[in-house]
Amino acid sequence: MVTIVGERVRHAPWGVKGGKPGSCARYSVIVEGKEMLLDSKQTVRVPAHSVIRIMTPGGGGYGSPE
């Protein structure tokens, strides 16, 4: 079993003072080569030898990127 309790799946972290937003989080389980996306708050039964992929949200930028 795996339980995901995450944030920032739909709305990326914001930037400040002209900085660009960061990236959204993404959670998935890979079973026999097939990837299944998970919700940000979910519990699922995962077969042995599966891969759990957790991509945390990236922080937003600070200041103009130029």
N, C-alpha and C. Protein backbone atom coordinates (compact mmCIF):
# COMPACT_ATOMS: atom_id res chain seq x y z
N MET A 1 0.85 -1.18 0.00
CA MET A 1 0.00 0.00 0.00
C MET A 1 0.89 1.24 0.00
N VAL A 2 0.45 2.24 -0.68
CA VAL A 2 1.14 3.53 -0.65
C VAL A 2 0.08 4.62 -0.51
N THR A 3 0.38 5.59 0.33
CA THR A 3 -0.51 6.73 0.51
C THR A 3 0.22 7.99 0.07
N ILE A 4 -0.40 8.74 -0.79
CA ILE A 4 0.14 10.02 -1.27
C ILE A 4 -0.67 11.13 -0.58
N VAL A 5 0.02 12.06 0.05
CA VAL A 5 -0.61 13.25 0.61
C VAL A 5 0.27 14.42 0.17
N GLY A 6 -0.06 14.99 -0.96
CA GLY A 6 0.77 16.04 -1.54
C GLY A 6 -0.02 17.28 -1.88
N GLU A 7 0.68 18.26 -2.37
CA GLU A 7 0.10 19.55 -2.75
C GLU A 7 0.69 20.00 -4.08
N ARG A 8 0.14 21.06 -4.60
CA ARG A 8 0.64 21.73 -5.80
C ARG A 8 0.60 20.85 -7.05
N VAL A 9 -0.50 20.08 -7.20
CA VAL A 9 -0.66 19.24 -8.38
C VAL A 9 -1.33 20.03 -9.50
N ARG A 10 -2.27 20.87 -9.15
CA ARG A 10 -3.00 21.65 -10.16
C ARG A 10 -2.48 23.08 -10.31
N HIS A 11 -1.98 23.65 -9.24
CA HIS A 11 -1.51 25.04 -9.27
C HIS A 11 -0.04 25.09 -8.89
N ALA A 12 0.77 25.57 -9.81
CA ALA A 12 2.23 25.63 -9.58
C ALA A 12 2.56 26.70 -8.54
N PRO A 13 3.67 26.51 -7.81
CA PRO A 13 4.12 27.57 -6.90
C PRO A 13 4.39 28.86 -7.69
N TRP A 14 3.99 29.97 -7.14
CA TRP A 14 4.11 31.24 -7.85
C TRP A 14 5.52 31.81 -7.74
N GLY A 15 5.85 32.67 -8.70
CA GLY A 15 7.09 33.44 -8.63
C GLY A 15 6.82 34.79 -7.99
N VAL A 16 7.87 35.48 -7.58
CA VAL A 16 7.71 36.81 -7.00
C VAL A 16 8.62 37.79 -7.71
N LYS A 17 8.23 39.06 -7.68
CA LYS A 17 8.99 40.16 -8.28
C LYS A 17 9.36 39.86 -9.74
N GLY A 18 8.38 39.34 -10.49
CA GLY A 18 8.59 39.06 -11.91
C GLY A 18 9.11 37.67 -12.21
N GLY A 19 9.35 36.87 -11.19
CA GLY A 19 9.82 35.50 -11.41
C GLY A 19 8.72 34.61 -11.97
N LYS A 20 9.12 33.62 -12.71
CA LYS A 20 8.16 32.71 -13.32
C LYS A 20 7.71 31.65 -12.30
N PRO A 21 6.51 31.07 -12.53
CA PRO A 21 6.05 30.03 -11.61
C PRO A 21 6.92 28.77 -11.69
N GLY A 22 6.89 27.99 -10.63
CA GLY A 22 7.61 26.72 -10.62
C GLY A 22 6.81 25.65 -11.35
N SER A 23 7.16 24.40 -11.15
CA SER A 23 6.45 23.31 -11.80
C SER A 23 5.51 22.63 -10.81
N CYS A 24 4.47 22.00 -11.33
CA CYS A 24 3.52 21.27 -10.50
C CYS A 24 4.09 19.93 -10.07
N ALA A 25 3.56 19.41 -8.98
CA ALA A 25 3.94 18.07 -8.51
C ALA A 25 3.26 17.02 -9.38
N ARG A 26 3.82 15.80 -9.37
CA ARG A 26 3.24 14.69 -10.11
C ARG A 26 3.57 13.40 -9.37
N TYR A 27 2.56 12.56 -9.20
CA TYR A 27 2.73 11.31 -8.48
C TYR A 27 2.22 10.18 -9.37
N SER A 28 2.96 9.08 -9.46
CA SER A 28 2.53 7.97 -10.29
C SER A 28 3.10 6.65 -9.79
N VAL A 29 2.49 5.57 -10.27
CA VAL A 29 2.97 4.22 -10.00
C VAL A 29 3.21 3.56 -11.35
N ILE A 30 4.34 2.90 -11.50
CA ILE A 30 4.66 2.20 -12.74
C ILE A 30 4.61 0.70 -12.44
N VAL A 31 3.66 0.01 -13.09
CA VAL A 31 3.47 -1.43 -12.89
C VAL A 31 3.66 -2.11 -14.24
N GLU A 32 4.65 -3.00 -14.33
CA GLU A 32 4.94 -3.73 -15.56
C GLU A 32 5.07 -2.78 -16.76
N GLY A 33 5.75 -1.66 -16.55
CA GLY A 33 6.02 -0.70 -17.62
C GLY A 33 4.90 0.28 -17.92
N LYS A 34 3.76 0.15 -17.27
CA LYS A 34 2.64 1.07 -17.51
C LYS A 34 2.52 2.03 -16.35
N GLU A 35 2.47 3.33 -16.67
CA GLU A 35 2.41 4.37 -15.64
C GLU A 35 0.97 4.76 -15.37
N MET A 36 0.61 4.80 -14.07
CA MET A 36 -0.72 5.22 -13.65
C MET A 36 -0.56 6.46 -12.78
N LEU A 37 -1.14 7.58 -13.22
CA LEU A 37 -1.08 8.81 -12.43
C LEU A 37 -1.94 8.69 -11.19
N LEU A 38 -1.45 9.26 -10.10
CA LEU A 38 -2.18 9.26 -8.83
C LEU A 38 -2.66 10.66 -8.51
N ASP A 39 -3.73 10.73 -7.73
CA ASP A 39 -4.21 12.01 -7.22
C ASP A 39 -3.25 12.50 -6.13
N SER A 40 -3.40 13.73 -5.72
CA SER A 40 -2.51 14.28 -4.69
C SER A 40 -2.80 13.71 -3.31
N LYS A 41 -3.97 13.16 -3.12
CA LYS A 41 -4.34 12.53 -1.85
C LYS A 41 -5.05 11.24 -2.17
N GLN A 42 -4.30 10.13 -2.04
CA GLN A 42 -4.84 8.85 -2.45
C GLN A 42 -4.06 7.71 -1.80
N THR A 43 -4.75 6.61 -1.54
CA THR A 43 -4.10 5.38 -1.08
C THR A 43 -4.38 4.29 -2.11
N VAL A 44 -3.34 3.59 -2.54
CA VAL A 44 -3.50 2.52 -3.53
C VAL A 44 -2.69 1.30 -3.12
N ARG A 45 -3.16 0.15 -3.54
CA ARG A 45 -2.41 -1.09 -3.35
C ARG A 45 -1.48 -1.23 -4.54
N VAL A 46 -0.21 -1.47 -4.26
CA VAL A 46 0.81 -1.52 -5.30
C VAL A 46 1.46 -2.91 -5.29
N PRO A 47 1.51 -3.57 -6.45
CA PRO A 47 2.15 -4.89 -6.51
C PRO A 47 3.65 -4.80 -6.21
N ALA A 48 4.21 -5.89 -5.73
CA ALA A 48 5.65 -5.94 -5.47
C ALA A 48 6.41 -5.63 -6.75
N HIS A 49 7.57 -5.02 -6.61
CA HIS A 49 8.49 -4.68 -7.71
C HIS A 49 7.97 -3.57 -8.62
N SER A 50 6.97 -2.84 -8.18
CA SER A 50 6.50 -1.67 -8.93
C SER A 50 7.38 -0.48 -8.58
N VAL A 51 7.28 0.56 -9.38
CA VAL A 51 8.04 1.79 -9.13
C VAL A 51 7.05 2.89 -8.75
N ILE A 52 7.36 3.59 -7.67
CA ILE A 52 6.55 4.74 -7.25
C ILE A 52 7.35 5.98 -7.61
N ARG A 53 6.79 6.83 -8.45
CA ARG A 53 7.48 8.03 -8.90
C ARG A 53 6.86 9.25 -8.23
N ILE A 54 7.69 10.02 -7.53
CA ILE A 54 7.25 11.23 -6.86
C ILE A 54 8.06 12.39 -7.41
N MET A 55 7.41 13.30 -8.09
CA MET A 55 8.06 14.49 -8.63
C MET A 55 7.52 15.68 -7.84
N THR A 56 8.35 16.21 -6.96
CA THR A 56 7.91 17.30 -6.09
C THR A 56 7.81 18.60 -6.88
N PRO A 57 6.98 19.54 -6.41
CA PRO A 57 6.82 20.80 -7.13
C PRO A 57 8.10 21.63 -7.03
N GLY A 58 8.42 22.30 -8.12
CA GLY A 58 9.59 23.19 -8.12
C GLY A 58 9.18 24.56 -7.63
N GLY A 59 10.06 25.21 -6.92
CA GLY A 59 9.77 26.54 -6.40
C GLY A 59 9.70 27.59 -7.49
N GLY A 60 8.92 28.62 -7.26
CA GLY A 60 8.81 29.71 -8.22
C GLY A 60 10.08 30.56 -8.21
N GLY A 61 10.28 31.28 -9.30
CA GLY A 61 11.47 32.12 -9.44
C GLY A 61 11.36 33.44 -8.70
N TYR A 62 12.50 34.09 -8.55
CA TYR A 62 12.57 35.40 -7.90
C TYR A 62 13.20 36.38 -8.87
N GLY A 63 12.49 37.43 -9.19
CA GLY A 63 13.02 38.45 -10.09
C GLY A 63 12.92 38.07 -11.56
N SER A 64 13.16 39.05 -12.40
CA SER A 64 13.07 38.84 -13.84
C SER A 64 14.11 37.82 -14.30
N PRO A 65 13.73 36.87 -15.15
CA PRO A 65 14.66 35.87 -15.63
C PRO A 65 15.69 36.41 -16.64
N GLU A 66 15.58 37.66 -16.99
CA GLU A 66 16.51 38.25 -17.99
C GLU A 66 17.69 38.93 -17.36
